[in-house]
Amino acid sequence: MSVFQTLYDLTKSLHTHVGTTPLEEERDEYIARVDELLEARQALLPHIVAPMSVEEKKQAQDMIKMNHEIDQALVIIKEHVAIDIRKLKTKKTQADRYVNPYVNVSFDGTFYDKKK
């Protein structure tokens, strides 16, 4: 199998993988698999030469389309992870405030008597 065909197969499997939506519990394995596929593709890219046959040209066009869809899916996944991180930070600060509600008390408007 040629390097070009291997790259096409990896791109196709990455495209189908990002097309699925993981459950929240399975997200770590999902992201690890995406990272694994992206690294495998990245390793093959320097060995690619211009497509010669008609079939390779068609596969190259398909890869360009799939790559565009993969990019969009990765942006959506990144946004979901960012939302979850923000939720986790908010949850942590709320829990800290519950444990010690007087940590960030504002002293605006309090009067200090300087006379003794």
Protein backbone atom coordinates (compact mmCIF):
# COMPACT_ATOMS: atom_id res chain seq x y z
CA MET A 1 0.00 0.00 0.00
CA SER A 2 1.35 3.41 -0.91
CA VAL A 3 1.95 6.22 1.56
CA PHE A 4 -0.77 8.22 -0.16
CA GLN A 5 -3.31 5.41 0.33
CA THR A 6 -2.29 5.06 3.99
CA LEU A 7 -2.78 8.80 4.48
CA TYR A 8 -6.18 8.59 2.81
CA ASP A 9 -7.23 5.70 5.07
CA LEU A 10 -6.08 7.56 8.19
CA THR A 11 -7.94 10.69 7.10
CA LYS A 12 -11.06 8.66 6.44
CA SER A 13 -10.91 6.96 9.84
CA LEU A 14 -10.29 10.31 11.55
CA HIS A 15 -13.25 11.79 9.67
CA THR A 16 -15.57 9.00 10.81
CA HIS A 17 -14.20 9.20 14.38
CA VAL A 18 -14.80 12.95 14.72
CA GLY A 19 -18.21 12.50 13.17
CA THR A 20 -19.35 10.66 16.28
CA THR A 21 -20.21 12.45 19.50
CA PRO A 22 -18.64 10.96 22.63
CA LEU A 23 -20.34 10.63 25.97
CA GLU A 24 -18.91 12.85 28.69
CA GLU A 25 -17.38 9.83 30.46
CA GLU A 26 -15.64 8.64 27.28
CA ARG A 27 -14.25 12.00 26.22
CA ASP A 28 -10.69 11.31 27.38
CA GLU A 29 -10.41 8.15 25.30
CA TYR A 30 -12.08 9.94 22.38
CA ILE A 31 -9.56 12.80 22.48
CA ALA A 32 -6.67 10.36 22.88
CA ARG A 33 -7.80 8.51 19.75
CA VAL A 34 -8.14 11.78 17.81
CA ASP A 35 -4.65 12.79 18.93
CA GLU A 36 -3.27 9.39 17.91
CA LEU A 37 -4.81 9.63 14.43
CA LEU A 38 -3.61 13.22 13.97
CA GLU A 39 -0.05 12.28 14.94
CA ALA A 40 -0.08 9.33 12.53
CA ARG A 41 -1.27 11.64 9.74
CA GLN A 42 1.34 14.23 10.63
CA ALA A 43 4.10 11.61 10.41
CA LEU A 44 3.01 10.66 6.87
CA LEU A 45 2.62 14.17 5.44
CA PRO A 46 6.33 14.83 4.70
CA HIS A 47 6.49 11.62 2.62
CA ILE A 48 3.66 12.62 0.29
CA VAL A 49 4.43 13.53 -3.30
CA ALA A 50 2.02 15.11 -5.76
CA PRO A 51 -0.77 12.69 -6.77
CA MET A 52 0.00 11.01 -10.06
CA SER A 53 -2.96 8.89 -11.06
CA VAL A 54 -6.54 9.96 -11.56
CA GLU A 55 -7.60 7.90 -8.55
CA GLU A 56 -5.02 9.62 -6.32
CA LYS A 57 -6.21 13.02 -7.51
CA LYS A 58 -9.79 12.07 -6.62
CA GLN A 59 -8.65 10.85 -3.22
CA ALA A 60 -6.72 14.10 -2.71
CA GLN A 61 -9.90 16.09 -3.37
CA ASP A 62 -11.82 13.85 -0.96
CA MET A 63 -9.11 14.36 1.67
CA ILE A 64 -9.36 18.13 1.30
CA LYS A 65 -13.13 17.98 1.86
CA MET A 66 -12.76 15.61 4.80
CA ASN A 67 -10.02 17.77 6.30
CA HIS A 68 -12.31 20.81 6.21
CA GLU A 69 -15.04 18.86 8.02
CA ILE A 70 -12.47 17.49 10.51
CA ASP A 71 -11.32 21.04 11.29
CA GLN A 72 -14.89 22.15 11.98
CA ALA A 73 -15.52 19.13 14.22
CA LEU A 74 -12.30 19.76 16.16
CA VAL A 75 -13.32 23.38 16.78
CA ILE A 76 -16.66 22.19 18.16
CA ILE A 77 -14.93 19.63 20.40
CA LYS A 78 -12.56 22.34 21.66
CA GLU A 79 -15.51 24.60 22.50
CA HIS A 80 -17.22 21.79 24.43
CA VAL A 81 -14.06 21.15 26.45
CA ALA A 82 -13.67 24.88 27.16
CA ILE A 83 -17.27 25.08 28.37
CA ASP A 84 -16.70 22.13 30.69
CA ILE A 85 -13.53 23.72 32.06
CA ARG A 86 -15.40 26.95 32.79
CA LYS A 87 -18.17 25.00 34.51
CA LEU A 88 -15.61 23.16 36.61
CA LYS A 89 -13.91 26.40 37.66
CA THR A 90 -17.26 27.94 38.59
CA LYS A 91 -18.19 24.84 40.55
CA LYS A 92 -14.85 24.96 42.39
CA THR A 93 -15.22 28.63 43.33
CA GLN A 94 -18.80 28.03 44.49
CA ALA A 95 -17.63 25.14 46.66
CA ASP A 96 -14.81 27.27 48.10
CA ARG A 97 -17.27 30.06 48.92
CA TYR A 98 -19.56 27.59 50.62
CA VAL A 99 -16.73 26.21 52.77
CA ASN A 100 -15.44 29.66 53.79
CA PRO A 101 -17.91 32.44 52.96
CA TYR A 102 -15.82 35.22 54.52
CA VAL A 103 -12.71 34.92 52.33
CA ASN A 104 -13.53 37.69 49.87
CA VAL A 105 -15.49 40.05 52.06
CA SER A 106 -15.39 43.60 50.78
CA PHE A 107 -14.68 46.29 53.36
CA ASP A 108 -16.10 49.13 51.31
CA GLY A 109 -18.30 51.39 53.38
CA THR A 110 -16.95 50.32 56.73
CA PHE A 111 -15.86 53.02 59.13
CA TYR A 112 -12.60 52.86 60.99
CA ASP A 113 -12.26 55.20 63.95
CA LYS A 114 -8.73 56.60 64.05
CA LYS A 115 -9.13 58.14 67.47
CA LYS A 116 -8.22 56.16 70.51
